[in-house]
Amino acid sequence: MDDNKKKLIVVTGFGPFAGHEEVNASWEAVKLLPEHHKEYQVKKYLVPVVYEEVDKIIEDIWKQKPYLVIHVGVHGRAKCMYVEKLAYNHEFKKMDYSRRVLECPTICLQNNDEKCCKIKTKLDVRRIVSLLNDMKGCGCSPDMPQFCSTSSDVGNYLCGYIYLKSLDRDPERSLFLHVPPVDKPFSSEETSEAIFEIVKECVSQLEDATEKIQIDNKI
């Protein structure tokens, strides 16, 4: 299939920040993703941990009308992957990697009013987690911990900031993943493979939703 006719999938990873100056596990995994698939094209972004740069990249991503957007960030204390259910719009008080602080901890959104305190993804997070754990044979016993889990705490740093921005654009097509540091316990290759499986599952969910709408319209 011609690349121009393929679904555009955008996946982002973050650059260095305090505590992860040398290697950010999110980008190490994202950059290994295949760029081409028979049905879609994967476009990867390395995102600086800077509010202003996130704003620019979000604008660039969504003007391309992507089929799916997945943001990936590192969680320094994580022992598994986390699929984030939502993002909150409050307490963005932390200094970014350029030492800039936002003027207001609550940000103005494009498609939601100032009273909006959180936005949830409409993708089926539990289904994603269940699929990945089944594939990895994890979570079946105490000796086989989960590879992946759900989370409702994306945080109030750039991870939460970028997720909120994308959820505001389209909660049906936006997702955030937190990954552990490299080799603690997963290699970048393992994490990348898991991200790609999540991409495929999200695409499947979106296709199922489109098919359901088409069937309902015929009834």
N, C-alpha and C. Protein backbone atom coordinates (compact mmCIF):
# COMPACT_ATOMS: atom_id res chain seq x y z
N MET A 1 0.84 -1.20 0.00
CA MET A 1 0.00 0.00 0.00
C MET A 1 0.87 1.25 0.00
N ASP A 2 0.47 2.24 -0.79
CA ASP A 2 1.16 3.53 -0.83
C ASP A 2 1.17 4.15 0.56
N ASP A 3 2.34 4.69 0.97
CA ASP A 3 2.46 5.30 2.31
C ASP A 3 1.43 6.40 2.53
N ASN A 4 1.09 7.13 1.47
CA ASN A 4 0.13 8.23 1.61
C ASN A 4 -1.28 7.74 1.93
N LYS A 5 -1.54 6.46 1.67
CA LYS A 5 -2.86 5.88 1.93
C LYS A 5 -2.91 5.11 3.25
N LYS A 6 -1.76 4.94 3.87
CA LYS A 6 -1.71 4.21 5.13
C LYS A 6 -2.15 5.09 6.30
N LYS A 7 -2.66 4.45 7.34
CA LYS A 7 -3.02 5.17 8.56
C LYS A 7 -1.74 5.70 9.21
N LEU A 8 -1.78 6.94 9.66
CA LEU A 8 -0.62 7.53 10.32
C LEU A 8 -0.70 7.27 11.82
N ILE A 9 0.30 6.58 12.34
CA ILE A 9 0.43 6.32 13.77
C ILE A 9 1.61 7.14 14.28
N VAL A 10 1.37 7.96 15.28
CA VAL A 10 2.45 8.77 15.86
C VAL A 10 2.79 8.23 17.24
N VAL A 11 4.09 8.02 17.47
CA VAL A 11 4.57 7.58 18.78
C VAL A 11 5.69 8.52 19.21
N THR A 12 5.59 9.03 20.43
CA THR A 12 6.61 9.95 20.92
C THR A 12 7.34 9.36 22.13
N GLY A 13 8.61 9.74 22.26
CA GLY A 13 9.39 9.44 23.45
C GLY A 13 10.09 10.71 23.89
N PHE A 14 10.49 10.76 25.14
CA PHE A 14 11.10 11.97 25.69
C PHE A 14 12.62 11.92 25.65
N GLY A 15 13.20 13.12 25.64
CA GLY A 15 14.64 13.28 25.73
C GLY A 15 15.09 13.32 27.19
N PRO A 16 16.32 13.76 27.43
CA PRO A 16 16.88 13.74 28.78
C PRO A 16 16.20 14.73 29.72
N PHE A 17 16.23 14.38 31.01
CA PHE A 17 15.80 15.28 32.07
C PHE A 17 16.46 14.82 33.36
N ALA A 18 16.26 15.52 34.44
CA ALA A 18 16.95 15.24 35.69
C ALA A 18 16.74 13.80 36.14
N GLY A 19 17.86 13.12 36.35
CA GLY A 19 17.82 11.72 36.74
C GLY A 19 17.91 10.77 35.56
N HIS A 20 17.70 11.31 34.38
CA HIS A 20 17.76 10.49 33.15
C HIS A 20 18.52 11.28 32.08
N GLU A 21 19.63 11.86 32.48
CA GLU A 21 20.39 12.73 31.58
C GLU A 21 21.06 11.97 30.44
N GLU A 22 21.52 10.76 30.72
CA GLU A 22 22.25 9.99 29.70
C GLU A 22 21.31 9.22 28.78
N VAL A 23 20.33 8.57 29.37
CA VAL A 23 19.43 7.70 28.60
C VAL A 23 18.01 7.87 29.10
N ASN A 24 17.09 8.12 28.19
CA ASN A 24 15.68 8.10 28.54
C ASN A 24 15.09 6.83 27.91
N ALA A 25 14.63 5.93 28.76
CA ALA A 25 14.15 4.62 28.29
C ALA A 25 13.00 4.74 27.29
N SER A 26 12.21 5.80 27.40
CA SER A 26 11.07 5.95 26.49
C SER A 26 11.55 6.11 25.05
N TRP A 27 12.53 7.00 24.83
CA TRP A 27 13.01 7.20 23.46
C TRP A 27 13.84 6.02 22.98
N GLU A 28 14.57 5.39 23.87
CA GLU A 28 15.36 4.22 23.48
C GLU A 28 14.46 3.13 22.91
N ALA A 29 13.26 2.99 23.45
CA ALA A 29 12.31 1.99 22.94
C ALA A 29 11.59 2.49 21.69
N VAL A 30 11.13 3.73 21.73
CA VAL A 30 10.36 4.28 20.61
C VAL A 30 11.18 4.29 19.32
N LYS A 31 12.45 4.65 19.42
CA LYS A 31 13.25 4.76 18.20
C LYS A 31 13.48 3.42 17.52
N LEU A 32 13.24 2.31 18.23
CA LEU A 32 13.40 0.98 17.65
C LEU A 32 12.14 0.49 16.93
N LEU A 33 11.05 1.22 17.04
CA LEU A 33 9.81 0.80 16.40
C LEU A 33 9.96 0.77 14.88
N PRO A 34 9.35 -0.21 14.24
CA PRO A 34 9.37 -0.23 12.76
C PRO A 34 8.58 0.95 12.23
N GLU A 35 9.06 1.55 11.15
CA GLU A 35 8.39 2.72 10.61
C GLU A 35 7.27 2.36 9.63
N HIS A 36 7.33 1.16 9.10
CA HIS A 36 6.36 0.77 8.08
C HIS A 36 5.67 -0.52 8.45
N HIS A 37 4.38 -0.59 8.14
CA HIS A 37 3.54 -1.75 8.34
C HIS A 37 2.65 -1.82 7.11
N LYS A 38 2.10 -2.97 6.84
CA LYS A 38 1.30 -3.10 5.61
C LYS A 38 0.08 -2.18 5.61
N GLU A 39 -0.40 -1.81 6.81
CA GLU A 39 -1.60 -0.99 6.88
C GLU A 39 -1.37 0.42 7.42
N TYR A 40 -0.24 0.65 8.07
CA TYR A 40 -0.01 1.98 8.62
C TYR A 40 1.47 2.34 8.65
N GLN A 41 1.68 3.64 8.78
CA GLN A 41 3.03 4.20 8.85
C GLN A 41 3.25 4.76 10.25
N VAL A 42 4.39 4.45 10.85
CA VAL A 42 4.69 4.92 12.19
C VAL A 42 5.66 6.10 12.09
N LYS A 43 5.23 7.23 12.66
CA LYS A 43 6.09 8.41 12.71
C LYS A 43 6.51 8.64 14.15
N LYS A 44 7.81 8.77 14.38
CA LYS A 44 8.35 8.87 15.73
C LYS A 44 8.88 10.28 16.01
N TYR A 45 8.59 10.76 17.21
CA TYR A 45 9.05 12.08 17.64
C TYR A 45 9.87 11.95 18.93
N LEU A 46 11.04 12.58 18.94
CA LEU A 46 11.81 12.75 20.16
C LEU A 46 11.41 14.10 20.75
N VAL A 47 10.82 14.08 21.95
CA VAL A 47 10.24 15.28 22.54
C VAL A 47 11.15 15.80 23.66
N PRO A 48 11.66 17.02 23.53
CA PRO A 48 12.41 17.61 24.65
C PRO A 48 11.50 17.79 25.86
N VAL A 49 12.08 17.69 27.05
CA VAL A 49 11.30 17.83 28.29
C VAL A 49 11.17 19.31 28.61
N VAL A 50 10.47 20.00 27.72
CA VAL A 50 10.32 21.45 27.77
C VAL A 50 8.88 21.78 27.37
N TYR A 51 8.17 22.54 28.18
CA TYR A 51 6.77 22.86 27.91
C TYR A 51 6.56 23.45 26.52
N GLU A 52 7.36 24.43 26.18
CA GLU A 52 7.20 25.13 24.90
C GLU A 52 7.39 24.17 23.72
N GLU A 53 8.36 23.26 23.84
CA GLU A 53 8.60 22.30 22.76
C GLU A 53 7.45 21.31 22.64
N VAL A 54 6.89 20.90 23.77
CA VAL A 54 5.72 20.02 23.74
C VAL A 54 4.58 20.70 23.01
N ASP A 55 4.35 21.97 23.29
CA ASP A 55 3.28 22.71 22.62
C ASP A 55 3.47 22.68 21.10
N LYS A 56 4.67 22.92 20.66
CA LYS A 56 4.97 22.95 19.21
C LYS A 56 4.75 21.57 18.59
N ILE A 57 5.22 20.54 19.27
CA ILE A 57 5.12 19.19 18.72
C ILE A 57 3.68 18.71 18.69
N ILE A 58 2.91 19.04 19.72
CA ILE A 58 1.49 18.68 19.72
C ILE A 58 0.78 19.32 18.53
N GLU A 59 1.06 20.57 18.26
CA GLU A 59 0.46 21.25 17.11
C GLU A 59 0.83 20.53 15.82
N ASP A 60 2.10 20.18 15.68
CA ASP A 60 2.57 19.52 14.46
C ASP A 60 1.94 18.14 14.29
N ILE A 61 1.82 17.41 15.38
CA ILE A 61 1.24 16.06 15.32
C ILE A 61 -0.21 16.11 14.87
N TRP A 62 -1.02 16.91 15.54
CA TRP A 62 -2.46 16.84 15.30
C TRP A 62 -2.90 17.51 14.02
N LYS A 63 -2.08 18.40 13.47
CA LYS A 63 -2.45 18.99 12.17
C LYS A 63 -2.32 17.96 11.04
N GLN A 64 -1.62 16.86 11.32
CA GLN A 64 -1.49 15.78 10.34
C GLN A 64 -2.65 14.79 10.37
N LYS A 65 -3.60 15.00 11.29
CA LYS A 65 -4.78 14.14 11.44
C LYS A 65 -4.40 12.66 11.60
N PRO A 66 -3.62 12.36 12.64
CA PRO A 66 -3.17 10.97 12.85
C PRO A 66 -4.32 10.04 13.20
N TYR A 67 -4.16 8.79 12.87
CA TYR A 67 -5.15 7.77 13.22
C TYR A 67 -5.04 7.42 14.70
N LEU A 68 -3.82 7.49 15.23
CA LEU A 68 -3.56 7.15 16.63
C LEU A 68 -2.32 7.88 17.10
N VAL A 69 -2.34 8.34 18.35
CA VAL A 69 -1.16 8.98 18.96
C VAL A 69 -0.87 8.29 20.29
N ILE A 70 0.34 7.79 20.42
CA ILE A 70 0.77 7.17 21.68
C ILE A 70 2.01 7.90 22.19
N HIS A 71 1.92 8.44 23.39
CA HIS A 71 3.06 9.08 24.03
C HIS A 71 3.68 8.09 25.01
N VAL A 72 4.99 8.09 25.10
CA VAL A 72 5.71 7.18 25.99
C VAL A 72 6.67 7.99 26.86
N GLY A 73 6.68 7.68 28.15
CA GLY A 73 7.59 8.33 29.08
C GLY A 73 8.19 7.30 30.02
N VAL A 74 9.28 7.67 30.66
CA VAL A 74 9.93 6.76 31.61
C VAL A 74 9.44 7.06 33.03
N HIS A 75 9.26 5.99 33.78
CA HIS A 75 8.91 6.10 35.21
C HIS A 75 10.06 5.46 35.98
N GLY A 76 10.80 6.29 36.71
CA GLY A 76 12.02 5.82 37.35
C GLY A 76 11.85 4.69 38.35
N ARG A 77 10.66 4.59 38.96
CA ARG A 77 10.43 3.56 39.99
C ARG A 77 9.58 2.39 39.48
N ALA A 78 9.21 2.43 38.23
CA ALA A 78 8.34 1.38 37.70
C ALA A 78 9.08 0.06 37.53
N LYS A 79 8.35 -1.03 37.77
CA LYS A 79 8.88 -2.38 37.56
C LYS A 79 8.16 -3.08 36.41
N CYS A 80 7.15 -2.39 35.85
CA CYS A 80 6.42 -2.92 34.70
C CYS A 80 5.98 -1.73 33.85
N MET A 81 5.35 -2.00 32.72
CA MET A 81 4.78 -0.94 31.91
C MET A 81 3.44 -0.52 32.51
N TYR A 82 3.12 0.76 32.41
CA TYR A 82 1.83 1.27 32.86
C TYR A 82 1.09 1.91 31.70
N VAL A 83 -0.16 1.52 31.53
CA VAL A 83 -1.02 2.15 30.53
C VAL A 83 -1.90 3.14 31.28
N GLU A 84 -1.74 4.41 30.97
CA GLU A 84 -2.38 5.47 31.73
C GLU A 84 -3.81 5.72 31.24
N LYS A 85 -4.73 5.79 32.21
CA LYS A 85 -6.14 5.95 31.88
C LYS A 85 -6.54 7.39 31.60
N LEU A 86 -5.84 8.35 32.23
CA LEU A 86 -6.30 9.74 32.16
C LEU A 86 -5.17 10.69 32.50
N ALA A 87 -5.47 11.96 32.27
CA ALA A 87 -4.55 13.04 32.66
C ALA A 87 -5.34 14.12 33.37
N TYR A 88 -4.72 14.74 34.38
CA TYR A 88 -5.35 15.79 35.17
C TYR A 88 -4.86 17.16 34.71
N ASN A 89 -5.73 18.14 34.84
CA ASN A 89 -5.35 19.51 34.49
C ASN A 89 -5.20 20.34 35.76
N HIS A 90 -4.11 20.09 36.46
CA HIS A 90 -3.84 20.89 37.66
C HIS A 90 -2.39 20.62 38.11
N GLU A 91 -1.88 21.54 38.83
CA GLU A 91 -0.59 21.38 39.50
C GLU A 91 0.60 21.15 38.57
N PHE A 92 0.57 21.76 37.38
CA PHE A 92 1.76 21.74 36.53
C PHE A 92 2.70 22.84 37.02
N LYS A 93 3.35 22.56 38.15
CA LYS A 93 4.16 23.56 38.83
C LYS A 93 5.67 23.31 38.69
N LYS A 94 6.03 22.15 38.14
CA LYS A 94 7.45 21.78 38.14
C LYS A 94 8.22 22.49 37.03
N MET A 95 9.48 22.72 37.30
CA MET A 95 10.38 23.34 36.33
C MET A 95 10.76 22.32 35.26
N ASP A 96 10.69 22.71 33.98
CA ASP A 96 11.07 21.79 32.91
C ASP A 96 12.60 21.75 32.76
N TYR A 97 13.08 21.01 31.77
CA TYR A 97 14.52 20.79 31.63
C TYR A 97 15.27 22.06 31.18
N SER A 98 14.51 23.06 30.70
CA SER A 98 15.11 24.34 30.35
C SER A 98 15.01 25.34 31.50
N ARG A 99 14.52 24.84 32.66
CA ARG A 99 14.37 25.62 33.89
C ARG A 99 13.23 26.63 33.79
N ARG A 100 12.27 26.32 32.93
CA ARG A 100 11.10 27.18 32.81
C ARG A 100 9.94 26.61 33.62
N VAL A 101 9.17 27.51 34.23
CA VAL A 101 7.96 27.14 34.97
C VAL A 101 6.77 27.80 34.29
N LEU A 102 5.65 27.10 34.18
CA LEU A 102 4.45 27.67 33.60
C LEU A 102 3.91 28.80 34.48
N GLU A 103 3.30 29.77 33.85
CA GLU A 103 2.73 30.91 34.59
C GLU A 103 1.56 30.46 35.46
N CYS A 104 0.82 29.47 34.96
CA CYS A 104 -0.34 28.98 35.70
C CYS A 104 -0.30 27.46 35.73
N PRO A 105 -0.54 26.83 36.87
CA PRO A 105 -0.48 25.37 36.97
C PRO A 105 -1.63 24.65 36.27
N THR A 106 -2.70 25.39 35.94
CA THR A 106 -3.81 24.84 35.17
C THR A 106 -3.75 25.43 33.77
N ILE A 107 -3.73 24.59 32.76
CA ILE A 107 -3.50 25.08 31.40
C ILE A 107 -4.82 25.28 30.65
N CYS A 108 -4.81 26.22 29.71
CA CYS A 108 -5.96 26.46 28.85
C CYS A 108 -5.97 25.40 27.75
N LEU A 109 -7.11 24.76 27.56
CA LEU A 109 -7.26 23.70 26.59
C LEU A 109 -8.00 24.19 25.35
N GLN A 110 -7.78 23.53 24.26
CA GLN A 110 -8.38 23.94 22.99
C GLN A 110 -9.85 23.54 22.89
N ASN A 111 -10.18 22.34 23.39
CA ASN A 111 -11.52 21.79 23.19
C ASN A 111 -12.31 21.55 24.47
N ASN A 112 -11.72 21.89 25.60
CA ASN A 112 -12.40 21.75 26.89
C ASN A 112 -12.29 23.07 27.65
N ASP A 113 -13.29 23.38 28.47
CA ASP A 113 -13.28 24.67 29.16
C ASP A 113 -12.38 24.64 30.40
N GLU A 114 -12.31 25.78 31.07
CA GLU A 114 -11.39 25.94 32.21
C GLU A 114 -11.81 25.10 33.42
N LYS A 115 -13.04 24.61 33.43
CA LYS A 115 -13.50 23.78 34.54
C LYS A 115 -13.11 22.31 34.38
N CYS A 116 -12.54 21.97 33.23
CA CYS A 116 -12.15 20.59 32.98
C CYS A 116 -10.93 20.24 33.83
N CYS A 117 -11.10 19.30 34.76
CA CYS A 117 -10.00 18.95 35.66
C CYS A 117 -9.30 17.65 35.26
N LYS A 118 -9.93 16.85 34.39
CA LYS A 118 -9.29 15.63 33.92
C LYS A 118 -9.96 15.17 32.64
N ILE A 119 -9.21 14.44 31.82
CA ILE A 119 -9.74 13.84 30.60
C ILE A 119 -9.28 12.40 30.54
N LYS A 120 -10.21 11.51 30.25
CA LYS A 120 -9.90 10.08 30.17
C LYS A 120 -9.76 9.65 28.71
N THR A 121 -8.87 8.71 28.47
CA THR A 121 -8.81 8.11 27.14
C THR A 121 -10.04 7.23 26.93
N LYS A 122 -10.51 7.16 25.71
CA LYS A 122 -11.65 6.30 25.39
C LYS A 122 -11.21 4.95 24.84
N LEU A 123 -9.91 4.75 24.73
CA LEU A 123 -9.40 3.43 24.38
C LEU A 123 -9.58 2.50 25.58
N ASP A 124 -9.76 1.23 25.32
CA ASP A 124 -10.01 0.26 26.38
C ASP A 124 -8.68 -0.16 27.01
N VAL A 125 -8.32 0.54 28.08
CA VAL A 125 -7.03 0.33 28.73
C VAL A 125 -6.93 -1.08 29.32
N ARG A 126 -7.99 -1.55 29.95
CA ARG A 126 -7.96 -2.88 30.56
C ARG A 126 -7.76 -3.97 29.52
N ARG A 127 -8.37 -3.79 28.39
CA ARG A 127 -8.20 -4.77 27.30
C ARG A 127 -6.76 -4.79 26.80
N ILE A 128 -6.16 -3.62 26.71
CA ILE A 128 -4.76 -3.52 26.28
C ILE A 128 -3.85 -4.27 27.26
N VAL A 129 -4.04 -3.99 28.55
CA VAL A 129 -3.22 -4.61 29.59
C VAL A 129 -3.40 -6.12 29.61
N SER A 130 -4.65 -6.56 29.52
CA SER A 130 -4.94 -8.00 29.54
C SER A 130 -4.28 -8.70 28.36
N LEU A 131 -4.37 -8.10 27.19
CA LEU A 131 -3.77 -8.68 25.99
C LEU A 131 -2.26 -8.83 26.14
N LEU A 132 -1.62 -7.77 26.64
CA LEU A 132 -0.16 -7.79 26.74
C LEU A 132 0.30 -8.81 27.79
N ASN A 133 -0.38 -8.85 28.93
CA ASN A 133 0.00 -9.83 29.95
C ASN A 133 -0.23 -11.26 29.48
N ASP A 134 -1.30 -11.48 28.73
CA ASP A 134 -1.55 -12.81 28.17
C ASP A 134 -0.45 -13.20 27.19
N MET A 135 -0.04 -12.27 26.37
CA MET A 135 1.01 -12.54 25.39
C MET A 135 2.33 -12.88 26.06
N LYS A 136 2.59 -12.17 27.17
CA LYS A 136 3.86 -12.37 27.88
C LYS A 136 3.77 -13.48 28.93
N GLY A 137 2.57 -14.03 29.14
CA GLY A 137 2.39 -15.08 30.14
C GLY A 137 2.64 -14.59 31.54
N CYS A 138 2.25 -13.34 31.80
CA CYS A 138 2.56 -12.72 33.10
C CYS A 138 1.29 -12.54 33.94
N GLY A 139 1.50 -12.37 35.24
CA GLY A 139 0.41 -12.08 36.15
C GLY A 139 -0.39 -13.29 36.57
N CYS A 140 0.06 -14.46 36.18
CA CYS A 140 -0.69 -15.68 36.50
C CYS A 140 -0.41 -16.18 37.91
N SER A 141 0.72 -15.80 38.49
CA SER A 141 1.10 -16.25 39.81
C SER A 141 2.07 -15.25 40.42
N PRO A 142 2.32 -15.32 41.74
CA PRO A 142 3.27 -14.40 42.38
C PRO A 142 4.68 -14.51 41.78
N ASP A 143 4.99 -15.68 41.22
CA ASP A 143 6.30 -15.85 40.62
C ASP A 143 6.39 -15.26 39.22
N MET A 144 5.23 -14.89 38.66
CA MET A 144 5.18 -14.31 37.32
C MET A 144 4.48 -12.96 37.40
N PRO A 145 5.18 -11.93 37.83
CA PRO A 145 4.56 -10.61 37.98
C PRO A 145 4.06 -10.06 36.65
N GLN A 146 3.19 -9.09 36.73
CA GLN A 146 2.62 -8.50 35.53
C GLN A 146 3.67 -7.78 34.71
N PHE A 147 3.56 -7.92 33.39
CA PHE A 147 4.40 -7.17 32.46
C PHE A 147 3.86 -5.75 32.32
N CYS A 148 2.53 -5.65 32.46
CA CYS A 148 1.85 -4.40 32.18
C CYS A 148 0.70 -4.22 33.16
N SER A 149 0.39 -2.98 33.52
CA SER A 149 -0.70 -2.70 34.45
C SER A 149 -1.36 -1.37 34.09
N THR A 150 -2.58 -1.17 34.58
CA THR A 150 -3.25 0.12 34.38
C THR A 150 -2.77 1.12 35.43
N SER A 151 -2.94 2.39 35.13
CA SER A 151 -2.58 3.44 36.08
C SER A 151 -3.51 4.63 35.89
N SER A 152 -3.78 5.32 36.99
CA SER A 152 -4.56 6.56 36.95
C SER A 152 -3.73 7.73 37.44
N ASP A 153 -2.41 7.59 37.37
CA ASP A 153 -1.52 8.63 37.88
C ASP A 153 -0.38 8.88 36.90
N VAL A 154 -0.68 9.60 35.83
CA VAL A 154 0.34 9.91 34.83
C VAL A 154 1.31 10.97 35.34
N GLY A 155 0.91 11.66 36.42
CA GLY A 155 1.81 12.65 37.02
C GLY A 155 1.52 14.07 36.55
N ASN A 156 2.22 15.02 37.16
CA ASN A 156 2.00 16.44 36.86
C ASN A 156 3.25 17.10 36.28
N TYR A 157 4.05 16.28 35.59
CA TYR A 157 5.22 16.82 34.90
C TYR A 157 4.94 16.79 33.40
N LEU A 158 5.94 16.68 32.57
CA LEU A 158 5.72 16.74 31.13
C LEU A 158 4.93 15.55 30.60
N CYS A 159 4.98 14.41 31.29
CA CYS A 159 4.19 13.25 30.88
C CYS A 159 2.70 13.58 30.94
N GLY A 160 2.27 14.10 32.08
CA GLY A 160 0.88 14.48 32.22
C GLY A 160 0.51 15.63 31.30
N TYR A 161 1.45 16.53 31.09
CA TYR A 161 1.21 17.70 30.25
C TYR A 161 0.94 17.31 28.79
N ILE A 162 1.80 16.46 28.24
CA ILE A 162 1.63 16.08 26.83
C ILE A 162 0.40 15.20 26.65
N TYR A 163 0.12 14.35 27.63
CA TYR A 163 -1.05 13.47 27.54
C TYR A 163 -2.34 14.30 27.57
N LEU A 164 -2.40 15.25 28.48
CA LEU A 164 -3.57 16.12 28.57
C LEU A 164 -3.80 16.86 27.26
N LYS A 165 -2.73 17.36 26.66
CA LYS A 165 -2.84 18.09 25.41
C LYS A 165 -3.42 17.22 24.30
N SER A 166 -2.97 15.97 24.22
CA SER A 166 -3.49 15.08 23.17
C SER A 166 -4.91 14.61 23.48
N LEU A 167 -5.19 14.31 24.73
CA LEU A 167 -6.55 13.91 25.10
C LEU A 167 -7.54 15.02 24.78
N ASP A 168 -7.12 16.25 24.95
CA ASP A 168 -7.97 17.39 24.62
C ASP A 168 -8.26 17.43 23.12
N ARG A 169 -7.30 17.03 22.30
CA ARG A 169 -7.50 17.01 20.85
C ARG A 169 -8.42 15.86 20.43
N ASP A 170 -8.16 14.65 20.98
CA ASP A 170 -9.00 13.50 20.62
C ASP A 170 -8.78 12.36 21.61
N PRO A 171 -9.67 12.21 22.59
CA PRO A 171 -9.50 11.15 23.60
C PRO A 171 -9.73 9.75 23.04
N GLU A 172 -10.33 9.65 21.86
CA GLU A 172 -10.56 8.34 21.25
C GLU A 172 -9.29 7.79 20.62
N ARG A 173 -8.33 8.66 20.35
CA ARG A 173 -7.13 8.24 19.61
C ARG A 173 -5.83 8.55 20.34
N SER A 174 -5.91 8.78 21.65
CA SER A 174 -4.72 9.16 22.42
C SER A 174 -4.49 8.20 23.57
N LEU A 175 -3.20 7.92 23.81
CA LEU A 175 -2.82 7.02 24.90
C LEU A 175 -1.44 7.40 25.41
N PHE A 176 -1.21 7.13 26.69
CA PHE A 176 0.13 7.34 27.28
C PHE A 176 0.60 6.06 27.96
N LEU A 177 1.87 5.73 27.73
CA LEU A 177 2.50 4.57 28.34
C LEU A 177 3.69 5.01 29.18
N HIS A 178 3.78 4.51 30.40
CA HIS A 178 4.97 4.69 31.21
C HIS A 178 5.79 3.39 31.16
N VAL A 179 7.08 3.54 30.94
CA VAL A 179 7.96 2.36 30.87
C VAL A 179 9.03 2.47 31.93
N PRO A 180 9.55 1.32 32.41
CA PRO A 180 10.64 1.37 33.40
C PRO A 180 11.97 1.75 32.75
N PRO A 181 12.97 2.08 33.55
CA PRO A 181 14.30 2.36 33.00
C PRO A 181 14.84 1.15 32.22
N VAL A 182 15.78 1.41 31.35
CA VAL A 182 16.36 0.36 30.51
C VAL A 182 16.95 -0.77 31.36
N ASP A 183 16.56 -2.00 31.02
CA ASP A 183 17.04 -3.23 31.68
C ASP A 183 16.62 -3.34 33.15
N LYS A 184 15.57 -2.60 33.52
CA LYS A 184 15.09 -2.69 34.90
C LYS A 184 13.57 -2.88 34.94
N PRO A 185 13.01 -3.98 34.46
CA PRO A 185 13.72 -5.21 34.09
C PRO A 185 13.80 -5.46 32.59
N PHE A 186 13.16 -4.63 31.75
CA PHE A 186 13.05 -4.96 30.33
C PHE A 186 14.12 -4.24 29.50
N SER A 187 14.62 -4.93 28.49
CA SER A 187 15.53 -4.30 27.54
C SER A 187 14.74 -3.32 26.66
N SER A 188 15.44 -2.45 25.98
CA SER A 188 14.78 -1.51 25.07
C SER A 188 14.05 -2.27 23.97
N GLU A 189 14.64 -3.38 23.53
CA GLU A 189 14.01 -4.20 22.49
C GLU A 189 12.69 -4.79 22.98
N GLU A 190 12.67 -5.30 24.21
CA GLU A 190 11.44 -5.87 24.77
C GLU A 190 10.37 -4.80 24.93
N THR A 191 10.78 -3.64 25.41
CA THR A 191 9.82 -2.55 25.59
C THR A 191 9.27 -2.09 24.25
N SER A 192 10.13 -1.98 23.26
CA SER A 192 9.71 -1.55 21.93
C SER A 192 8.71 -2.54 21.33
N GLU A 193 8.99 -3.83 21.48
CA GLU A 193 8.07 -4.86 20.97
C GLU A 193 6.71 -4.74 21.65
N ALA A 194 6.71 -4.49 22.95
CA ALA A 194 5.46 -4.34 23.68
C ALA A 194 4.69 -3.10 23.21
N ILE A 195 5.39 -2.01 22.98
CA ILE A 195 4.74 -0.79 22.48
C ILE A 195 4.08 -1.06 21.14
N PHE A 196 4.78 -1.80 20.28
CA PHE A 196 4.22 -2.08 18.96
C PHE A 196 2.98 -2.97 19.05
N GLU A 197 2.98 -3.90 20.00
CA GLU A 197 1.78 -4.72 20.20
C GLU A 197 0.62 -3.85 20.68
N ILE A 198 0.92 -2.85 21.50
CA ILE A 198 -0.12 -1.93 21.96
C ILE A 198 -0.63 -1.08 20.80
N VAL A 199 0.27 -0.66 19.93
CA VAL A 199 -0.15 0.06 18.73
C VAL A 199 -1.16 -0.77 17.95
N LYS A 200 -0.83 -2.03 17.71
CA LYS A 200 -1.71 -2.91 16.93
C LYS A 200 -3.06 -3.11 17.61
N GLU A 201 -3.05 -3.26 18.93
CA GLU A 201 -4.31 -3.43 19.67
C GLU A 201 -5.16 -2.17 19.60
N CYS A 202 -4.54 -1.01 19.73
CA CYS A 202 -5.30 0.24 19.65
C CYS A 202 -5.91 0.42 18.25
N VAL A 203 -5.14 0.11 17.23
CA VAL A 203 -5.66 0.18 15.86
C VAL A 203 -6.85 -0.75 15.71
N SER A 204 -6.74 -1.95 16.27
CA SER A 204 -7.84 -2.91 16.22
C SER A 204 -9.09 -2.36 16.90
N GLN A 205 -8.91 -1.74 18.06
CA GLN A 205 -10.04 -1.16 18.78
C GLN A 205 -10.71 -0.06 17.96
N LEU A 206 -9.91 0.79 17.33
CA LEU A 206 -10.45 1.88 16.52
C LEU A 206 -11.19 1.34 15.30
N GLU A 207 -10.64 0.32 14.69
CA GLU A 207 -11.30 -0.30 13.53
C GLU A 207 -12.61 -0.94 13.93
N ASP A 208 -12.62 -1.61 15.09
CA ASP A 208 -13.85 -2.22 15.59
C ASP A 208 -14.93 -1.16 15.84
N ALA A 209 -14.51 -0.03 16.41
CA ALA A 209 -15.46 1.05 16.69
C ALA A 209 -16.04 1.63 15.39
N THR A 210 -15.19 1.79 14.39
CA THR A 210 -15.64 2.30 13.09
C THR A 210 -16.62 1.34 12.43
N GLU A 211 -16.29 0.05 12.50
CA GLU A 211 -17.17 -0.97 11.92
C GLU A 211 -18.53 -0.98 12.62
N LYS A 212 -18.54 -0.81 13.94
CA LYS A 212 -19.79 -0.80 14.69
C LYS A 212 -20.67 0.39 14.27
N ILE A 213 -20.03 1.55 14.09
CA ILE A 213 -20.76 2.74 13.66
C ILE A 213 -21.39 2.50 12.28
N GLN A 214 -20.61 1.89 11.39
CA GLN A 214 -21.11 1.63 10.04
C GLN A 214 -22.29 0.67 10.06
N ILE A 215 -22.22 -0.35 10.92
CA ILE A 215 -23.32 -1.30 11.03
C ILE A 215 -24.55 -0.63 11.61
N ASP A 216 -24.33 0.18 12.67
CA ASP A 216 -25.46 0.88 13.30
C ASP A 216 -26.14 1.82 12.32
N ASN A 217 -25.38 2.43 11.44
CA ASN A 217 -25.94 3.37 10.47
C ASN A 217 -26.79 2.67 9.41
N LYS A 218 -26.54 1.38 9.23
CA LYS A 218 -27.30 0.62 8.23
C LYS A 218 -28.60 0.06 8.79
N ILE A 219 -28.69 0.02 10.12
CA ILE A 219 -29.89 -0.54 10.75
C ILE A 219 -31.08 0.43 10.67
